[in-house]
Amino acid sequence: MSSTTNSDTKTQVIQTYDGHPSYSCAKCSAVIALQDELISKSFSGRDGRGYLMYSATNVKLGKKEDRPLLTGVHTVADVHCLGCNDRLGWYYHKASDYSQKYKEGKYLLEREKLIKENSWTLDSEEGV
């Protein structure tokens, strides 16, 4: 893992995870989540398919709001990329229905806003 200072503000740091399969922002390539954090690909976002994730990095949360979603009203906050401020999805603060409580504290990231980075290397690159 390494860090670089964001040019927009000196207080924000972009985290990188070299060698780990990840999802990156499609707009600025900041790492947003490790592929190991993926819970499900069977979610819907505003703009199409969404991924439910245990955690996300290099993001900032917008204002909390109650939002009607396909599975009921949830208290959520939009998730924005720390690198370019693009809206990537939302964070589930609270679910009103008991059957949806498993989403609390998790992230819904829009598939079309992400790039899958596999971090594969060729044997010749590893000195083998």
C-alpha atoms as a PDB file:
ATOM      1  CA  MET A   1       0.000   0.000   0.000  1.00  0.00           C
ATOM      2  CA  SER A   2       1.248   3.497  -0.759  1.00  0.00           C
ATOM      3  CA  SER A   3      -0.134   7.017  -0.499  1.00  0.00           C
ATOM      4  CA  THR A   4       0.068  10.236  -2.473  1.00  0.00           C
ATOM      5  CA  THR A   5      -1.142  13.722  -1.625  1.00  0.00           C
ATOM      6  CA  ASN A   6      -4.186  14.864  -3.555  1.00  0.00           C
ATOM      7  CA  SER A   7      -3.413  18.050  -5.510  1.00  0.00           C
ATOM      8  CA  ASP A   8      -6.825  19.558  -4.650  1.00  0.00           C
ATOM      9  CA  THR A   9      -6.274  19.564  -0.893  1.00  0.00           C
ATOM     10  CA  LYS A  10      -3.335  18.830   1.354  1.00  0.00           C
ATOM     11  CA  THR A  11      -5.449  17.033   3.957  1.00  0.00           C
ATOM     12  CA  GLN A  12      -6.696  14.242   1.694  1.00  0.00           C
ATOM     13  CA  VAL A  13      -4.566  11.230   0.814  1.00  0.00           C
ATOM     14  CA  ILE A  14      -5.113   8.731  -2.009  1.00  0.00           C
ATOM     15  CA  GLN A  15      -4.430   5.139  -0.917  1.00  0.00           C
ATOM     16  CA  THR A  16      -3.082   2.631  -3.439  1.00  0.00           C
ATOM     17  CA  TYR A  17      -2.894  -1.149  -3.125  1.00  0.00           C
ATOM     18  CA  ASP A  18      -0.192  -2.348  -5.500  1.00  0.00           C
ATOM     19  CA  GLY A  19      -0.492  -6.012  -6.458  1.00  0.00           C
ATOM     20  CA  HIS A  20      -4.007  -6.453  -5.052  1.00  0.00           C
ATOM     21  CA  PRO A  21      -7.008  -7.003  -7.366  1.00  0.00           C
ATOM     22  CA  SER A  22      -9.205  -3.948  -6.977  1.00  0.00           C
ATOM     23  CA  TYR A  23     -11.920  -1.733  -8.395  1.00  0.00           C
ATOM     24  CA  SER A  24     -10.809   1.765  -9.414  1.00  0.00           C
ATOM     25  CA  CYS A  25     -12.651   4.945 -10.314  1.00  0.00           C
ATOM     26  CA  ALA A  26     -13.389   4.926 -14.051  1.00  0.00           C
ATOM     27  CA  LYS A  27     -12.812   8.675 -14.230  1.00  0.00           C
ATOM     28  CA  CYS A  28      -9.487   9.171 -12.350  1.00  0.00           C
ATOM     29  CA  SER A  29      -8.242   5.594 -11.609  1.00  0.00           C
ATOM     30  CA  ALA A  30      -8.097   6.032  -7.812  1.00  0.00           C
ATOM     31  CA  VAL A  31      -8.462   2.655  -6.065  1.00  0.00           C
ATOM     32  CA  ILE A  32     -11.970   2.489  -4.579  1.00  0.00           C
ATOM     33  CA  ALA A  33     -12.249  -1.059  -3.204  1.00  0.00           C
ATOM     34  CA  LEU A  34     -10.351  -4.316  -3.089  1.00  0.00           C
ATOM     35  CA  GLN A  35     -12.055  -7.170  -4.930  1.00  0.00           C
ATOM     36  CA  ASP A  36     -11.939  -9.162  -1.662  1.00  0.00           C
ATOM     37  CA  GLU A  37     -14.484  -6.685  -0.233  1.00  0.00           C
ATOM     38  CA  LEU A  38     -17.172  -7.639  -2.786  1.00  0.00           C
ATOM     39  CA  ILE A  39     -20.330  -9.099  -1.221  1.00  0.00           C
ATOM     40  CA  SER A  40     -22.692  -9.227  -4.213  1.00  0.00           C
ATOM     41  CA  LYS A  41     -22.999  -8.151  -7.850  1.00  0.00           C
ATOM     42  CA  SER A  42     -26.800  -8.570  -7.761  1.00  0.00           C
ATOM     43  CA  PHE A  43     -27.722  -5.004  -6.817  1.00  0.00           C
ATOM     44  CA  SER A  44     -29.212  -2.102  -8.722  1.00  0.00           C
ATOM     45  CA  GLY A  45     -27.859   1.426  -8.592  1.00  0.00           C
ATOM     46  CA  ARG A  46     -29.154   4.647 -10.108  1.00  0.00           C
ATOM     47  CA  ASP A  47     -27.432   4.008 -13.413  1.00  0.00           C
ATOM     48  CA  GLY A  48     -27.624   0.222 -13.710  1.00  0.00           C
ATOM     49  CA  ARG A  49     -25.896  -2.676 -11.955  1.00  0.00           C
ATOM     50  CA  GLY A  50     -24.325  -2.118  -8.574  1.00  0.00           C
ATOM     51  CA  TYR A  51     -21.899  -3.966  -6.315  1.00  0.00           C
ATOM     52  CA  LEU A  52     -22.459  -4.309  -2.578  1.00  0.00           C
ATOM     53  CA  MET A  53     -19.098  -3.921  -0.812  1.00  0.00           C
ATOM     54  CA  TYR A  54     -17.952  -4.370   2.785  1.00  0.00           C
ATOM     55  CA  SER A  55     -15.737  -1.293   2.560  1.00  0.00           C
ATOM     56  CA  ALA A  56     -14.387   1.385   0.236  1.00  0.00           C
ATOM     57  CA  THR A  57     -11.318   3.604   0.267  1.00  0.00           C
ATOM     58  CA  ASN A  58     -10.493   6.957  -1.296  1.00  0.00           C
ATOM     59  CA  VAL A  59     -14.107   8.053  -0.938  1.00  0.00           C
ATOM     60  CA  LYS A  60     -15.986  10.744   0.921  1.00  0.00           C
ATOM     61  CA  LEU A  61     -19.604  10.668   2.010  1.00  0.00           C
ATOM     62  CA  GLY A  62     -22.243  13.233   1.200  1.00  0.00           C
ATOM     63  CA  LYS A  63     -25.158  14.273   3.396  1.00  0.00           C
ATOM     64  CA  LYS A  64     -27.348  11.581   5.001  1.00  0.00           C
ATOM     65  CA  GLU A  65     -30.855  11.350   3.591  1.00  0.00           C
ATOM     66  CA  ASP A  66     -33.813   9.000   3.619  1.00  0.00           C
ATOM     67  CA  ARG A  67     -34.112   7.596   0.105  1.00  0.00           C
ATOM     68  CA  PRO A  68     -36.767   5.275  -1.344  1.00  0.00           C
ATOM     69  CA  LEU A  69     -34.942   2.386  -3.037  1.00  0.00           C
ATOM     70  CA  LEU A  70     -36.199  -0.837  -4.638  1.00  0.00           C
ATOM     71  CA  THR A  71     -36.142  -2.632  -1.263  1.00  0.00           C
ATOM     72  CA  GLY A  72     -37.711   0.152   0.802  1.00  0.00           C
ATOM     73  CA  VAL A  73     -36.649   3.404   2.425  1.00  0.00           C
ATOM     74  CA  HIS A  74     -33.021   3.518   3.563  1.00  0.00           C
ATOM     75  CA  THR A  75     -30.924   6.217   5.225  1.00  0.00           C
ATOM     76  CA  VAL A  76     -28.007   6.623   2.822  1.00  0.00           C
ATOM     77  CA  ALA A  77     -25.281   9.075   1.861  1.00  0.00           C
ATOM     78  CA  ASP A  78     -23.875   9.454  -1.633  1.00  0.00           C
ATOM     79  CA  VAL A  79     -20.297   8.213  -2.046  1.00  0.00           C
ATOM     80  CA  HIS A  80     -17.885  10.405  -4.016  1.00  0.00           C
ATOM     81  CA  CYS A  81     -14.386   9.640  -5.280  1.00  0.00           C
ATOM     82  CA  LEU A  82     -11.719  11.431  -3.273  1.00  0.00           C
ATOM     83  CA  GLY A  83      -9.641  11.946  -6.424  1.00  0.00           C
ATOM     84  CA  CYS A  84     -12.175  13.483  -8.818  1.00  0.00           C
ATOM     85  CA  ASN A  85     -15.390  13.909  -6.768  1.00  0.00           C
ATOM     86  CA  ASP A  86     -17.408  11.713  -9.183  1.00  0.00           C
ATOM     87  CA  ARG A  87     -20.486  10.157  -7.541  1.00  0.00           C
ATOM     88  CA  LEU A  88     -19.832   6.407  -7.304  1.00  0.00           C
ATOM     89  CA  GLY A  89     -22.884   5.138  -5.417  1.00  0.00           C
ATOM     90  CA  TRP A  90     -24.032   5.345  -1.809  1.00  0.00           C
ATOM     91  CA  TYR A  91     -23.348   4.195   1.745  1.00  0.00           C
ATOM     92  CA  TYR A  92     -26.095   2.480   3.746  1.00  0.00           C
ATOM     93  CA  HIS A  93     -26.396   4.104   7.171  1.00  0.00           C
ATOM     94  CA  LYS A  94     -29.717   2.525   8.125  1.00  0.00           C
ATOM     95  CA  ALA A  95     -32.354   0.230   6.664  1.00  0.00           C
ATOM     96  CA  SER A  96     -35.945   0.628   7.847  1.00  0.00           C
ATOM     97  CA  ASP A  97     -36.943  -2.982   7.139  1.00  0.00           C
ATOM     98  CA  TYR A  98     -35.443  -5.709   9.332  1.00  0.00           C
ATOM     99  CA  SER A  99     -34.785  -7.951   6.314  1.00  0.00           C
ATOM    100  CA  GLN A 100     -32.522  -5.234   4.850  1.00  0.00           C
ATOM    101  CA  LYS A 101     -30.400  -4.586   7.991  1.00  0.00           C
ATOM    102  CA  TYR A 102     -27.496  -6.588   6.520  1.00  0.00           C
ATOM    103  CA  LYS A 103     -26.807  -3.613   4.203  1.00  0.00           C
ATOM    104  CA  GLU A 104     -26.094  -1.220   7.060  1.00  0.00           C
ATOM    105  CA  GLY A 105     -22.497  -0.019   7.115  1.00  0.00           C
ATOM    106  CA  LYS A 106     -21.890  -1.201   3.549  1.00  0.00           C
ATOM    107  CA  TYR A 107     -21.366   0.488   0.186  1.00  0.00           C
ATOM    108  CA  LEU A 108     -23.324   0.209  -3.057  1.00  0.00           C
ATOM    109  CA  LEU A 109     -20.930   1.105  -5.885  1.00  0.00           C
ATOM    110  CA  GLU A 110     -22.218   1.653  -9.422  1.00  0.00           C
ATOM    111  CA  ARG A 111     -20.665  -0.837 -11.866  1.00  0.00           C
ATOM    112  CA  GLU A 112     -20.347   1.688 -14.691  1.00  0.00           C
ATOM    113  CA  LYS A 113     -18.328   4.015 -12.432  1.00  0.00           C
ATOM    114  CA  LEU A 114     -15.643   1.368 -11.756  1.00  0.00           C
ATOM    115  CA  ILE A 115     -12.782  -0.318 -13.589  1.00  0.00           C
ATOM    116  CA  LYS A 116     -11.754  -3.819 -12.525  1.00  0.00           C
ATOM    117  CA  GLU A 117      -7.986  -4.032 -11.959  1.00  0.00           C
ATOM    118  CA  ASN A 118      -6.740  -7.630 -11.761  1.00  0.00           C
ATOM    119  CA  SER A 119      -3.074  -6.818 -10.974  1.00  0.00           C
ATOM    120  CA  TRP A 120      -1.861  -9.820 -12.928  1.00  0.00           C
ATOM    121  CA  THR A 121       1.807 -10.117 -13.801  1.00  0.00           C
ATOM    122  CA  LEU A 122       3.499 -12.275 -16.399  1.00  0.00           C
ATOM    123  CA  ASP A 123       5.998 -14.860 -15.155  1.00  0.00           C
ATOM    124  CA  SER A 124       8.740 -12.986 -17.040  1.00  0.00           C
ATOM    125  CA  GLU A 125       7.941  -9.824 -15.035  1.00  0.00           C
ATOM    126  CA  GLU A 126       8.525 -11.643 -11.749  1.00  0.00           C
ATOM    127  CA  GLY A 127      11.978 -12.855 -12.724  1.00  0.00           C
ATOM    128  CA  VAL A 128      10.841 -16.473 -13.204  1.00  0.00           C
END
